Amino acid sequence: MTTPVYLDYAATTPVDPRVAEVMSRHLTLDGLFANPASRSHMLGWQAEQAVESARRQVADTIGADPREIVWTSGATEADNLALIGFMRANRARGRHLVTSCIEHKAVVDTAHALEAEGFEVTWLTPGRDGRVTPDQLRAAMRPDTVLVSLMAVNNELGCVHDLAALAEVVHAGGAAFHVDAAQAIGRIPLDVARLGIDLMSLSGHKAYGPKGVGALYVRRSPDIRLEALIHGGGHERGMRSGTLATHQAVGMGEAFALAAAEGEADQQRITTLRDRLLDGLAGFDGVHCNTDVAVSVPNILNLAFEGVDGESLLMALRDIALSTGSACNSASVEPSYVLKGIGVPRSLALASLRFSFGRFTTEADIDRTLLALTHALEGLRRQAI
């Protein structure tokens, strides 16, 4: 059986073997498996030391202090803690949140939940390139705005926000700035102090680390206060209770350290792979690029194939692992809300696929994909005649 070509790195990345090796040393009796909160014996102290070393690796990757990193179960929990925790803790200052209509569902659904609690949300519509401009954001700010949440890199389009410019607008309006950076680690440089970010959600499994672990950066400031969502022991300085999974934390730490060291080289190589795919598709009729490659990371490419149904094309590409959009919305038969949000016509949105490349993608993978696309498109378009 032929191994499928994996081009769904935006949904999840395989754990880097170097990360898996580090994790394996924190699982069994002969390793550092103990509860890192067990401070009554040496094994607990050693496990805590491993977790704190990983916390520093994560902090170093984004230019933060280790004390500003709060471990979570993933970026979804981090988004919930940032939005719900901050809005509840600061409701006396204001009840207004600003975000965009094409954020990840972890932000969109959380914002809707806040609306049900009585908070007000302004939903910004980004431009065709998927980005919110500083002028748009400035127009949405109100005296009672306490939080703005916008993602660093869009998970379906790959577009990159100008975080520094947006942060300037947010802070001029007296609000705090939350950034979902799940897709950004190893893809763009991040320095929370330089960029002016107050809260940042991070994911392990989007950066060649394990699933089930993430973090929230919380800037150390009296103005940045969160109400805990999970109670039971006061772990993580009272912001997130629960026994830490030592092996997952060290895995995420190692993955982030590798991303910091190798991310730039990875992206240069991935750019050539993306361009190889685009060059190979240049002779195809009716292929539209939903991603503005000039303002996007190279590892995410959203393409529309005119005259075919995206789900049918996906089925025809049996040996290519792709998606029609976010893995968190893949059960829907509706077109991607992200594509609709940037004004892609419904017919093209339904004919779109997301290609996402990664550290282990090869030129041979791209060539196999082009060959498979050629056969699939010819077959589907013949059937449509």
Protein backbone atom coordinates (compact mmCIF):
# COMPACT_ATOMS: atom_id res chain seq x y z
CA MET A 1 0.00 0.00 0.00
CA THR A 2 1.33 3.43 -0.99
CA THR A 3 1.95 5.83 1.89
CA PRO A 4 -0.25 8.92 1.45
CA VAL A 5 1.37 12.29 0.88
CA TYR A 6 0.70 14.37 3.98
CA LEU A 7 -0.13 17.98 3.12
CA ASP A 8 -2.29 18.84 6.14
CA TYR A 9 0.36 20.33 8.43
CA ALA A 10 -1.94 23.21 9.38
CA ALA A 11 -4.29 20.67 11.00
CA THR A 12 -1.49 19.00 12.94
CA THR A 13 2.19 18.23 12.55
CA PRO A 14 3.88 14.90 13.22
CA VAL A 15 5.97 14.91 16.36
CA ASP A 16 9.60 15.48 15.45
CA PRO A 17 11.62 12.33 16.36
CA ARG A 18 13.95 14.48 18.47
CA VAL A 19 10.93 15.69 20.44
CA ALA A 20 9.58 12.15 20.86
CA GLU A 21 12.95 11.02 22.22
CA VAL A 22 12.92 13.74 24.87
CA MET A 23 9.33 12.90 25.81
CA SER A 24 10.16 9.21 26.20
CA ARG A 25 12.56 10.08 29.03
CA HIS A 26 9.66 11.47 31.10
CA LEU A 27 7.15 8.61 31.00
CA THR A 28 8.38 5.44 32.66
CA LEU A 29 9.81 4.34 36.02
CA ASP A 30 13.40 4.79 34.85
CA GLY A 31 12.70 8.39 33.77
CA LEU A 32 11.41 11.68 35.24
CA PHE A 33 7.76 10.61 35.43
CA ALA A 34 6.85 12.07 38.85
CA ASN A 35 4.22 14.71 39.53
CA PRO A 36 6.03 18.06 39.20
CA ALA A 37 3.92 19.42 42.06
CA SER A 38 5.24 16.69 44.43
CA ARG A 39 7.88 18.66 46.29
CA SER A 40 8.35 16.19 49.16
CA HIS A 41 10.89 14.04 47.27
CA MET A 42 13.71 14.32 44.76
CA LEU A 43 11.77 12.77 41.84
CA GLY A 44 9.11 15.46 42.13
CA TRP A 45 11.76 18.17 42.25
CA GLN A 46 13.44 16.75 39.15
CA ALA A 47 10.14 16.61 37.27
CA GLU A 48 9.43 20.21 38.27
CA GLN A 49 12.88 21.21 37.04
CA ALA A 50 12.14 19.58 33.66
CA VAL A 51 8.82 21.43 33.38
CA GLU A 52 10.43 24.74 34.30
CA SER A 53 13.20 24.18 31.75
CA ALA A 54 10.50 23.61 29.12
CA ARG A 55 8.68 26.74 30.27
CA ARG A 56 11.86 28.71 29.65
CA GLN A 57 12.22 27.19 26.16
CA VAL A 58 8.70 28.31 25.28
CA ALA A 59 9.30 31.76 26.79
CA ASP A 60 12.61 32.21 24.95
CA THR A 61 10.93 31.41 21.63
CA ILE A 62 8.58 34.40 21.96
CA GLY A 63 10.83 36.77 23.91
CA ALA A 64 8.94 36.38 27.20
CA ASP A 65 9.81 35.76 30.83
CA PRO A 66 9.20 32.14 31.94
CA ARG A 67 6.92 33.47 34.70
CA GLU A 68 4.62 34.75 31.94
CA ILE A 69 3.94 31.26 30.51
CA VAL A 70 0.84 29.39 31.75
CA TRP A 71 0.57 25.75 30.67
CA THR A 72 -2.79 24.68 29.18
CA SER A 73 -4.17 21.63 27.35
CA GLY A 74 -3.78 23.40 24.01
CA ALA A 75 -4.39 26.66 22.15
CA THR A 76 -8.17 26.19 22.39
CA GLU A 77 -8.04 26.28 26.18
CA ALA A 78 -5.56 29.16 26.01
CA ASP A 79 -7.98 31.14 23.81
CA ASN A 80 -10.84 30.44 26.23
CA LEU A 81 -8.75 31.49 29.22
CA ALA A 82 -7.59 34.65 27.46
CA LEU A 83 -11.01 35.81 26.28
CA ILE A 84 -13.34 34.60 29.03
CA GLY A 85 -10.80 35.00 31.81
CA PHE A 86 -9.87 38.53 30.81
CA MET A 87 -13.38 39.80 30.01
CA ARG A 88 -14.79 38.49 33.29
CA ALA A 89 -11.92 39.84 35.36
CA ASN A 90 -12.21 43.28 33.76
CA ARG A 91 -15.97 43.67 33.37
CA ALA A 92 -15.94 46.71 35.66
CA ARG A 93 -13.70 48.51 33.13
CA GLY A 94 -15.85 47.63 30.12
CA ARG A 95 -17.75 44.87 28.39
CA HIS A 96 -16.67 45.30 24.77
CA LEU A 97 -14.51 42.85 22.78
CA VAL A 98 -13.23 43.32 19.23
CA THR A 99 -12.31 40.38 16.99
CA SER A 100 -12.72 39.32 13.35
CA CYS A 101 -15.19 37.03 11.63
CA ILE A 102 -12.46 34.72 10.32
CA GLU A 103 -10.70 33.86 13.57
CA HIS A 104 -10.27 30.22 14.58
CA LYS A 105 -13.41 28.64 16.02
CA ALA A 106 -11.73 28.60 19.44
CA VAL A 107 -12.01 32.40 19.39
CA VAL A 108 -15.23 32.74 17.36
CA ASP A 109 -17.25 30.33 19.51
CA THR A 110 -15.78 31.75 22.72
CA ALA A 111 -16.74 35.27 21.65
CA HIS A 112 -20.29 34.05 20.97
CA ALA A 113 -20.35 32.50 24.46
CA LEU A 114 -19.33 35.88 25.89
CA GLU A 115 -22.17 37.54 23.98
CA ALA A 116 -24.55 35.11 25.68
CA GLU A 117 -23.16 36.35 29.03
CA GLY A 118 -24.02 39.94 28.13
CA PHE A 119 -20.71 41.14 26.72
CA GLU A 120 -20.67 43.03 23.41
CA VAL A 121 -18.55 41.90 20.46
CA THR A 122 -17.65 43.84 17.33
CA TRP A 123 -16.94 41.48 14.43
CA LEU A 124 -14.51 42.98 11.93
CA THR A 125 -14.59 41.90 8.28
CA PRO A 126 -11.03 41.61 6.93
CA GLY A 127 -9.97 42.53 3.42
CA ARG A 128 -9.62 40.09 0.54
CA ASP A 129 -6.13 39.28 1.79
CA GLY A 130 -7.57 38.12 5.12
CA ARG A 131 -6.08 40.95 7.18
CA VAL A 132 -7.59 43.59 9.42
CA THR A 133 -6.06 47.03 8.92
CA PRO A 134 -5.13 49.42 11.74
CA ASP A 135 -7.70 51.92 10.42
CA GLN A 136 -10.46 49.27 10.60
CA LEU A 137 -9.49 48.45 14.14
CA ARG A 138 -9.26 52.10 15.15
CA ALA A 139 -12.80 52.69 13.91
CA ALA A 140 -14.08 49.77 16.00
CA MET A 141 -12.52 50.86 19.28
CA ARG A 142 -14.82 52.29 21.95
CA PRO A 143 -14.28 53.78 25.39
CA ASP A 144 -15.52 50.50 26.91
CA THR A 145 -13.33 48.24 24.75
CA VAL A 146 -11.18 46.13 27.06
CA LEU A 147 -9.81 43.43 24.74
CA VAL A 148 -8.94 42.90 21.08
CA SER A 149 -8.29 39.37 19.79
CA LEU A 150 -6.74 38.81 16.36
CA MET A 151 -4.69 35.85 15.12
CA ALA A 152 -1.09 36.10 14.00
CA VAL A 153 -1.40 33.66 11.07
CA ASN A 154 -4.75 32.55 9.68
CA ASN A 155 -5.09 28.77 9.74
CA GLU A 156 -6.92 28.50 6.39
CA LEU A 157 -5.29 31.29 4.36
CA GLY A 158 -1.84 31.69 5.91
CA CYS A 159 -2.06 35.50 5.92
CA VAL A 160 0.03 37.33 8.53
CA HIS A 161 -1.27 40.30 10.51
CA ASP A 162 0.85 43.40 11.15
CA LEU A 163 0.80 42.76 14.89
CA ALA A 164 2.92 45.74 15.92
CA ALA A 165 0.70 48.22 14.07
CA LEU A 166 -2.47 46.64 15.46
CA ALA A 167 -1.06 46.60 19.00
CA GLU A 168 -0.36 50.33 18.76
CA VAL A 169 -4.02 50.98 17.98
CA VAL A 170 -5.21 48.65 20.75
CA HIS A 171 -3.07 50.29 23.42
CA ALA A 172 -3.91 53.81 22.24
CA GLY A 173 -7.51 52.84 22.92
CA GLY A 174 -6.69 51.64 26.42
CA ALA A 175 -7.38 47.95 25.72
CA ALA A 176 -5.34 44.75 25.92
CA PHE A 177 -4.23 42.74 22.88
CA HIS A 178 -4.65 38.97 22.60
CA VAL A 179 -3.07 37.06 19.70
CA ASP A 180 -3.77 33.46 18.71
CA ALA A 181 -0.32 32.35 17.53
CA ALA A 182 -1.02 28.63 17.12
CA GLN A 183 0.04 28.70 13.46
CA ALA A 184 2.90 31.17 13.91
CA ILE A 185 5.63 29.33 15.84
CA GLY A 186 8.54 28.55 13.53
CA ARG A 187 6.84 30.44 10.69
CA ILE A 188 7.26 34.09 11.64
CA PRO A 189 9.51 35.81 14.20
CA LEU A 190 7.67 36.60 17.45
CA ASP A 191 8.80 38.92 20.22
CA VAL A 192 5.90 39.75 22.51
CA ALA A 193 7.61 42.78 24.07
CA ARG A 194 8.64 44.32 20.75
CA LEU A 195 5.25 43.62 19.17
CA GLY A 196 3.24 44.88 22.16
CA ILE A 197 1.27 41.70 22.82
CA ASP A 198 -0.42 41.22 26.20
CA LEU A 199 -1.82 37.69 25.82
CA MET A 200 -0.75 35.01 23.32
CA SER A 201 -2.15 31.51 22.77
CA LEU A 202 0.30 28.76 21.80
CA SER A 203 -0.04 25.15 20.65
CA GLY A 204 2.33 22.20 20.90
CA HIS A 205 1.01 20.07 18.06
CA LYS A 206 1.16 22.80 15.40
CA ALA A 207 4.94 23.02 15.89
CA TYR A 208 6.05 19.34 15.77
CA GLY A 209 5.28 18.82 19.44
CA PRO A 210 2.64 16.61 21.08
CA LYS A 211 -1.12 17.10 21.08
CA GLY A 212 -2.81 17.90 24.36
CA VAL A 213 -0.49 20.68 25.50
CA GLY A 214 -0.37 24.40 24.89
CA ALA A 215 0.31 27.62 26.74
CA LEU A 216 -0.95 31.13 27.28
CA TYR A 217 1.50 33.99 27.52
CA VAL A 218 0.23 36.47 30.11
CA ARG A 219 2.20 39.72 30.33
CA ARG A 220 3.26 40.48 33.90
CA SER A 221 1.39 43.70 34.59
CA PRO A 222 -1.22 44.87 37.09
CA ASP A 223 -3.43 45.73 34.08
CA ILE A 224 -3.46 42.12 32.80
CA ARG A 225 -5.70 40.13 35.13
CA LEU A 226 -7.46 36.85 34.40
CA GLU A 227 -10.25 35.00 36.15
CA ALA A 228 -9.39 31.29 36.31
CA LEU A 229 -11.64 28.87 34.41
CA ILE A 230 -10.29 25.66 35.97
CA HIS A 231 -10.08 25.35 39.75
CA GLY A 232 -8.51 22.78 42.03
CA GLY A 233 -5.14 23.38 43.60
CA GLY A 234 -4.10 26.83 42.42
CA HIS A 235 -1.44 25.62 39.98
CA GLU A 236 0.12 27.96 37.43
CA ARG A 237 -0.01 30.92 39.81
CA GLY A 238 -3.72 30.43 40.29
CA MET A 239 -4.58 30.81 36.61
CA ARG A 240 -4.93 27.14 35.64
CA SER A 241 -5.22 24.28 38.12
CA GLY A 242 -4.38 20.67 37.30
CA THR A 243 -1.46 18.25 37.41
CA LEU A 244 0.99 19.12 34.66
CA ALA A 245 1.84 16.42 32.12
CA THR A 246 5.62 16.47 32.39
CA HIS A 247 6.23 14.57 29.15
CA GLN A 248 3.96 16.88 27.16
CA ALA A 249 5.48 20.04 28.61
CA VAL A 250 9.03 18.94 27.84
CA GLY A 251 7.89 17.88 24.38
CA MET A 252 6.44 21.31 23.66
CA GLY A 253 9.53 22.98 25.08
CA GLU A 254 11.84 20.96 22.84
CA ALA A 255 9.63 21.55 19.81
CA PHE A 256 9.68 25.30 20.38
CA ALA A 257 13.45 25.32 20.85
CA LEU A 258 13.82 23.50 17.52
CA ALA A 259 11.41 25.93 15.86
CA ALA A 260 13.47 28.86 17.11
CA ALA A 261 16.69 27.31 15.83
CA GLU A 262 15.45 25.90 12.52
CA GLY A 263 12.28 27.81 11.65
CA GLU A 264 13.85 30.25 9.21
CA ALA A 265 15.61 27.49 7.25
CA ASP A 266 12.41 25.41 7.28
CA GLN A 267 10.42 28.29 5.81
CA GLN A 268 12.96 28.94 3.07
CA ARG A 269 12.78 25.31 1.99
CA ILE A 270 8.99 25.24 2.24
CA THR A 271 8.76 28.36 0.07
CA THR A 272 10.45 26.46 -2.77
CA LEU A 273 7.97 23.60 -2.32
CA ARG A 274 4.96 25.92 -2.39
CA ASP A 275 6.32 27.63 -5.50
CA ARG A 276 6.92 24.23 -7.11
CA LEU A 277 3.24 23.40 -6.62
CA LEU A 278 2.10 26.78 -7.94
CA ASP A 279 4.40 26.53 -10.96
CA GLY A 280 3.08 23.04 -11.67
CA LEU A 281 -0.49 24.34 -11.59
CA ALA A 282 0.23 27.33 -13.82
CA GLY A 283 -0.98 25.50 -16.90
CA PHE A 284 -4.25 24.36 -15.31
CA ASP A 285 -7.44 26.18 -16.27
CA GLY A 286 -9.68 27.60 -13.58
CA VAL A 287 -7.29 27.47 -10.62
CA HIS A 288 -7.70 30.45 -8.28
CA CYS A 289 -5.44 31.30 -5.33
CA ASN A 290 -7.44 32.30 -2.26
CA THR A 291 -4.18 32.95 -0.41
CA ASP A 292 -2.40 36.24 -1.05
CA VAL A 293 1.11 34.76 -1.08
CA ALA A 294 2.71 38.22 -0.76
CA VAL A 295 1.43 38.58 2.82
CA SER A 296 1.27 34.93 3.89
CA VAL A 297 3.47 32.24 5.38
CA PRO A 298 4.62 29.74 2.72
CA ASN A 299 3.34 26.62 4.47
CA ILE A 300 -0.39 27.35 3.91
CA LEU A 301 -1.89 27.65 0.44
CA ASN A 302 -5.65 27.80 -0.22
CA LEU A 303 -6.67 27.06 -3.81
CA ALA A 304 -10.02 27.00 -5.61
CA PHE A 305 -10.57 24.65 -8.57
CA GLU A 306 -13.29 26.10 -10.75
CA GLY A 307 -15.93 23.71 -12.02
CA VAL A 308 -15.43 20.96 -9.43
CA ASP A 309 -16.78 20.28 -5.96
CA GLY A 310 -14.11 20.48 -3.28
CA GLU A 311 -15.37 17.43 -1.40
CA SER A 312 -15.46 15.39 -4.61
CA LEU A 313 -11.94 16.49 -5.47
CA LEU A 314 -10.82 15.57 -1.97
CA MET A 315 -12.32 12.09 -2.39
CA ALA A 316 -10.59 11.68 -5.74
CA LEU A 317 -7.23 12.53 -4.17
CA ARG A 318 -7.22 9.38 -2.04
CA ASP A 319 -3.45 9.27 -1.66
CA ILE A 320 -3.07 12.94 -0.70
CA ALA A 321 -3.95 14.03 2.84
CA LEU A 322 -5.56 17.47 2.46
CA SER A 323 -8.51 19.36 3.89
CA THR A 324 -11.20 21.75 2.68
CA GLY A 325 -10.45 24.06 5.59
CA SER A 326 -10.00 24.02 9.34
CA ALA A 327 -9.97 20.58 10.95
CA CYS A 328 -12.21 22.07 13.65
CA ASN A 329 -14.93 22.73 11.06
CA SER A 330 -14.40 19.77 8.71
CA ALA A 331 -17.76 18.11 9.44
CA SER A 332 -19.65 21.02 7.88
CA VAL A 333 -21.00 20.75 4.33
CA GLU A 334 -21.17 24.53 4.13
CA PRO A 335 -18.33 26.45 2.47
CA SER A 336 -15.57 27.66 4.75
CA TYR A 337 -16.69 30.62 6.87
CA VAL A 338 -13.18 32.01 6.44
CA LEU A 339 -13.46 32.06 2.65
CA LYS A 340 -16.96 33.52 2.84
CA GLY A 341 -15.63 36.08 5.31
CA ILE A 342 -13.11 37.46 2.81
CA GLY A 343 -15.64 37.55 -0.02
CA VAL A 344 -14.80 34.41 -2.01
CA PRO A 345 -17.88 33.51 -4.11
CA ARG A 346 -19.81 30.52 -2.76
CA SER A 347 -19.13 28.42 -5.86
CA LEU A 348 -15.37 28.87 -5.51
CA ALA A 349 -15.44 28.47 -1.74
CA LEU A 350 -17.08 25.07 -2.23
CA ALA A 351 -14.36 24.20 -4.75
CA SER A 352 -11.44 25.07 -2.47
CA LEU A 353 -8.78 22.95 -0.79
CA ARG A 354 -6.12 23.89 1.74
CA PHE A 355 -2.60 22.61 1.04
CA SER A 356 -0.24 22.91 4.00
CA PHE A 357 3.40 21.91 3.91
CA GLY A 358 5.90 21.16 6.63
CA ARG A 359 9.30 20.07 7.82
CA PHE A 360 9.04 16.60 6.29
CA THR A 361 7.45 17.54 2.93
CA THR A 362 9.64 16.67 -0.08
CA GLU A 363 9.83 17.63 -3.75
CA ALA A 364 8.65 14.10 -4.56
CA ASP A 365 5.53 14.76 -2.46
CA ILE A 366 4.76 17.86 -4.52
CA ASP A 367 5.28 16.00 -7.80
CA ARG A 368 2.97 13.16 -6.68
CA THR A 369 0.37 15.73 -5.71
CA LEU A 370 0.54 17.46 -9.09
CA LEU A 371 0.14 14.14 -10.89
CA ALA A 372 -2.82 13.17 -8.70
CA LEU A 373 -4.44 16.57 -9.23
CA THR A 374 -4.05 16.25 -13.00
CA HIS A 375 -5.88 12.91 -13.08
CA ALA A 376 -8.55 13.96 -10.56
CA LEU A 377 -9.39 17.26 -12.26
CA GLU A 378 -9.54 15.72 -15.72
CA GLY A 379 -11.86 12.99 -14.47
CA LEU A 380 -14.19 15.29 -12.52
CA ARG A 381 -14.45 17.85 -15.29
CA ARG A 382 -15.19 15.14 -17.85
CA GLN A 383 -18.05 13.94 -15.66
CA ALA A 384 -19.42 17.48 -15.41
CA ILE A 385 -19.72 17.87 -19.19
